[in-house]
Amino acid sequence: MVPRDEWSINCRDLAGRRRDVTVFVSSDKVVLVAPPGEAAVLGPLDVGRLRAALRDAVVAVANPDGD
């Protein structure tokens, strides 16, 4: 299985439009990209997905070789 290094979490902006929050690994850092100029509104399930993506990204940073 190939390790993932980017995760996308569905959300909506304050106007209710569909957007995405993206989490990715860059070198030894975890990067969180929110919708440009917007607030991300997450439902309970999406918050769980964001939490899981952040956890997986931290694991990828801590273990870059996948060992």
N, C-alpha and C. Protein backbone atom coordinates (compact mmCIF):
# COMPACT_ATOMS: atom_id res chain seq x y z
N MET A 1 0.84 -1.18 0.00
CA MET A 1 0.00 0.00 0.00
C MET A 1 0.88 1.24 0.00
N VAL A 2 0.59 2.19 -0.86
CA VAL A 2 1.35 3.43 -0.96
C VAL A 2 0.85 4.41 0.09
N PRO A 3 1.75 4.99 0.91
CA PRO A 3 1.29 5.95 1.92
C PRO A 3 0.78 7.23 1.26
N ARG A 4 -0.26 7.77 1.83
CA ARG A 4 -0.82 9.01 1.31
C ARG A 4 -0.05 10.18 1.92
N ASP A 5 0.09 11.25 1.15
CA ASP A 5 0.73 12.45 1.68
C ASP A 5 -0.13 13.68 1.46
N GLU A 6 -1.41 13.46 1.07
CA GLU A 6 -2.35 14.56 0.92
C GLU A 6 -3.76 14.05 1.20
N TRP A 7 -4.52 14.84 1.97
CA TRP A 7 -5.87 14.47 2.35
C TRP A 7 -6.77 15.67 2.08
N SER A 8 -7.99 15.42 1.62
CA SER A 8 -8.95 16.48 1.35
C SER A 8 -10.21 16.21 2.17
N ILE A 9 -10.67 17.23 2.89
CA ILE A 9 -11.84 17.10 3.74
C ILE A 9 -12.91 18.06 3.24
N ASN A 10 -14.10 17.53 2.97
CA ASN A 10 -15.19 18.38 2.50
C ASN A 10 -15.65 19.32 3.60
N CYS A 11 -16.03 20.52 3.21
CA CYS A 11 -16.60 21.48 4.14
C CYS A 11 -17.47 22.44 3.33
N ARG A 12 -17.98 23.43 3.99
CA ARG A 12 -18.73 24.50 3.33
C ARG A 12 -18.21 25.82 3.87
N ASP A 13 -18.37 26.87 3.07
CA ASP A 13 -18.00 28.18 3.57
C ASP A 13 -19.22 28.77 4.29
N LEU A 14 -19.08 29.98 4.79
CA LEU A 14 -20.17 30.58 5.56
C LEU A 14 -21.42 30.84 4.71
N ALA A 15 -21.25 30.92 3.39
CA ALA A 15 -22.40 31.10 2.49
C ALA A 15 -23.02 29.76 2.09
N GLY A 16 -22.46 28.65 2.57
CA GLY A 16 -23.00 27.33 2.29
C GLY A 16 -22.47 26.67 1.03
N ARG A 17 -21.48 27.29 0.38
CA ARG A 17 -20.90 26.70 -0.83
C ARG A 17 -19.93 25.59 -0.46
N ARG A 18 -19.90 24.55 -1.31
CA ARG A 18 -18.99 23.43 -1.07
C ARG A 18 -17.55 23.88 -1.25
N ARG A 19 -16.70 23.50 -0.31
CA ARG A 19 -15.27 23.80 -0.34
C ARG A 19 -14.52 22.57 0.17
N ASP A 20 -13.21 22.66 0.21
CA ASP A 20 -12.36 21.61 0.77
C ASP A 20 -11.29 22.22 1.65
N VAL A 21 -10.96 21.52 2.71
CA VAL A 21 -9.78 21.80 3.51
C VAL A 21 -8.79 20.71 3.13
N THR A 22 -7.56 21.09 2.84
CA THR A 22 -6.55 20.12 2.42
C THR A 22 -5.44 20.07 3.45
N VAL A 23 -5.00 18.87 3.74
CA VAL A 23 -3.87 18.62 4.63
C VAL A 23 -2.82 17.90 3.81
N PHE A 24 -1.58 18.39 3.85
CA PHE A 24 -0.51 17.65 3.18
C PHE A 24 0.79 17.80 3.93
N VAL A 25 1.72 16.92 3.57
CA VAL A 25 3.05 16.90 4.19
C VAL A 25 4.02 17.56 3.24
N SER A 26 4.81 18.49 3.77
CA SER A 26 5.86 19.17 3.00
C SER A 26 7.13 19.09 3.81
N SER A 27 8.05 18.28 3.35
CA SER A 27 9.30 18.06 4.06
C SER A 27 8.96 17.50 5.44
N ASP A 28 9.30 18.22 6.51
CA ASP A 28 9.02 17.73 7.86
C ASP A 28 7.90 18.52 8.53
N LYS A 29 7.01 19.11 7.73
CA LYS A 29 5.92 19.93 8.26
C LYS A 29 4.57 19.41 7.77
N VAL A 30 3.54 19.66 8.56
CA VAL A 30 2.16 19.39 8.17
C VAL A 30 1.55 20.72 7.75
N VAL A 31 0.96 20.76 6.55
CA VAL A 31 0.39 21.99 6.01
C VAL A 31 -1.13 21.84 5.92
N LEU A 32 -1.84 22.83 6.42
CA LEU A 32 -3.30 22.87 6.38
C LEU A 32 -3.71 24.02 5.47
N VAL A 33 -4.45 23.73 4.40
CA VAL A 33 -4.88 24.74 3.44
C VAL A 33 -6.40 24.87 3.55
N ALA A 34 -6.85 26.03 3.96
CA ALA A 34 -8.29 26.30 4.07
C ALA A 34 -8.77 26.98 2.80
N PRO A 35 -10.08 27.03 2.60
CA PRO A 35 -10.60 27.74 1.43
C PRO A 35 -10.08 29.19 1.44
N PRO A 36 -9.65 29.69 0.29
CA PRO A 36 -9.06 31.03 0.25
C PRO A 36 -10.04 32.12 0.68
N GLY A 37 -9.64 32.88 1.67
CA GLY A 37 -10.45 34.00 2.13
C GLY A 37 -11.75 33.61 2.79
N GLU A 38 -11.91 32.37 3.16
CA GLU A 38 -13.16 31.88 3.73
C GLU A 38 -12.92 31.19 5.06
N ALA A 39 -13.99 31.01 5.78
CA ALA A 39 -13.98 30.15 6.97
C ALA A 39 -14.50 28.79 6.55
N ALA A 40 -13.94 27.74 7.08
CA ALA A 40 -14.40 26.39 6.78
C ALA A 40 -15.40 25.97 7.85
N VAL A 41 -16.59 25.58 7.43
CA VAL A 41 -17.64 25.10 8.33
C VAL A 41 -17.69 23.58 8.20
N LEU A 42 -17.35 22.90 9.29
CA LEU A 42 -17.27 21.43 9.29
C LEU A 42 -18.36 20.84 10.15
N GLY A 43 -18.98 19.79 9.65
CA GLY A 43 -19.92 19.02 10.46
C GLY A 43 -19.16 18.04 11.33
N PRO A 44 -19.84 17.40 12.27
CA PRO A 44 -19.16 16.47 13.19
C PRO A 44 -18.37 15.38 12.47
N LEU A 45 -18.92 14.78 11.44
CA LEU A 45 -18.21 13.73 10.71
C LEU A 45 -16.97 14.28 10.01
N ASP A 46 -17.10 15.48 9.44
CA ASP A 46 -15.96 16.11 8.76
C ASP A 46 -14.87 16.51 9.74
N VAL A 47 -15.24 16.90 10.95
CA VAL A 47 -14.23 17.19 11.97
C VAL A 47 -13.44 15.92 12.29
N GLY A 48 -14.13 14.79 12.36
CA GLY A 48 -13.45 13.52 12.58
C GLY A 48 -12.50 13.19 11.44
N ARG A 49 -12.91 13.49 10.20
CA ARG A 49 -12.03 13.25 9.05
C ARG A 49 -10.82 14.18 9.08
N LEU A 50 -11.02 15.43 9.48
CA LEU A 50 -9.90 16.36 9.61
C LEU A 50 -8.93 15.87 10.69
N ARG A 51 -9.46 15.44 11.79
CA ARG A 51 -8.62 14.91 12.87
C ARG A 51 -7.80 13.72 12.39
N ALA A 52 -8.44 12.80 11.66
CA ALA A 52 -7.74 11.62 11.15
C ALA A 52 -6.67 12.02 10.14
N ALA A 53 -6.97 12.98 9.28
CA ALA A 53 -5.98 13.44 8.29
C ALA A 53 -4.79 14.08 8.98
N LEU A 54 -5.04 14.88 9.99
CA LEU A 54 -3.93 15.51 10.72
C LEU A 54 -3.09 14.45 11.43
N ARG A 55 -3.74 13.47 12.02
CA ARG A 55 -3.01 12.39 12.69
C ARG A 55 -2.14 11.63 11.69
N ASP A 56 -2.71 11.28 10.53
CA ASP A 56 -1.95 10.56 9.52
C ASP A 56 -0.79 11.38 8.99
N ALA A 57 -0.99 12.69 8.84
CA ALA A 57 0.08 13.57 8.36
C ALA A 57 1.21 13.65 9.38
N VAL A 58 0.87 13.72 10.65
CA VAL A 58 1.90 13.77 11.69
C VAL A 58 2.70 12.47 11.70
N VAL A 59 2.01 11.35 11.53
CA VAL A 59 2.72 10.06 11.47
C VAL A 59 3.65 10.03 10.26
N ALA A 60 3.19 10.56 9.12
CA ALA A 60 4.03 10.59 7.92
C ALA A 60 5.26 11.46 8.12
N VAL A 61 5.11 12.59 8.82
CA VAL A 61 6.25 13.46 9.09
C VAL A 61 7.22 12.80 10.04
N ALA A 62 6.70 12.12 11.05
CA ALA A 62 7.55 11.48 12.05
C ALA A 62 8.28 10.27 11.49
N ASN A 63 7.73 9.66 10.44
CA ASN A 63 8.30 8.44 9.88
C ASN A 63 8.31 8.55 8.35
N PRO A 64 9.19 9.41 7.80
CA PRO A 64 9.14 9.68 6.37
C PRO A 64 9.46 8.49 5.46
N ASP A 65 10.13 7.48 5.97
CA ASP A 65 10.48 6.30 5.17
C ASP A 65 9.39 5.25 5.20
N GLY A 66 8.36 5.46 6.02
CA GLY A 66 7.26 4.49 6.11
C GLY A 66 7.61 3.22 6.85
N ASP A 67 8.68 3.24 7.63
CA ASP A 67 9.11 2.04 8.38
C ASP A 67 8.28 1.86 9.62
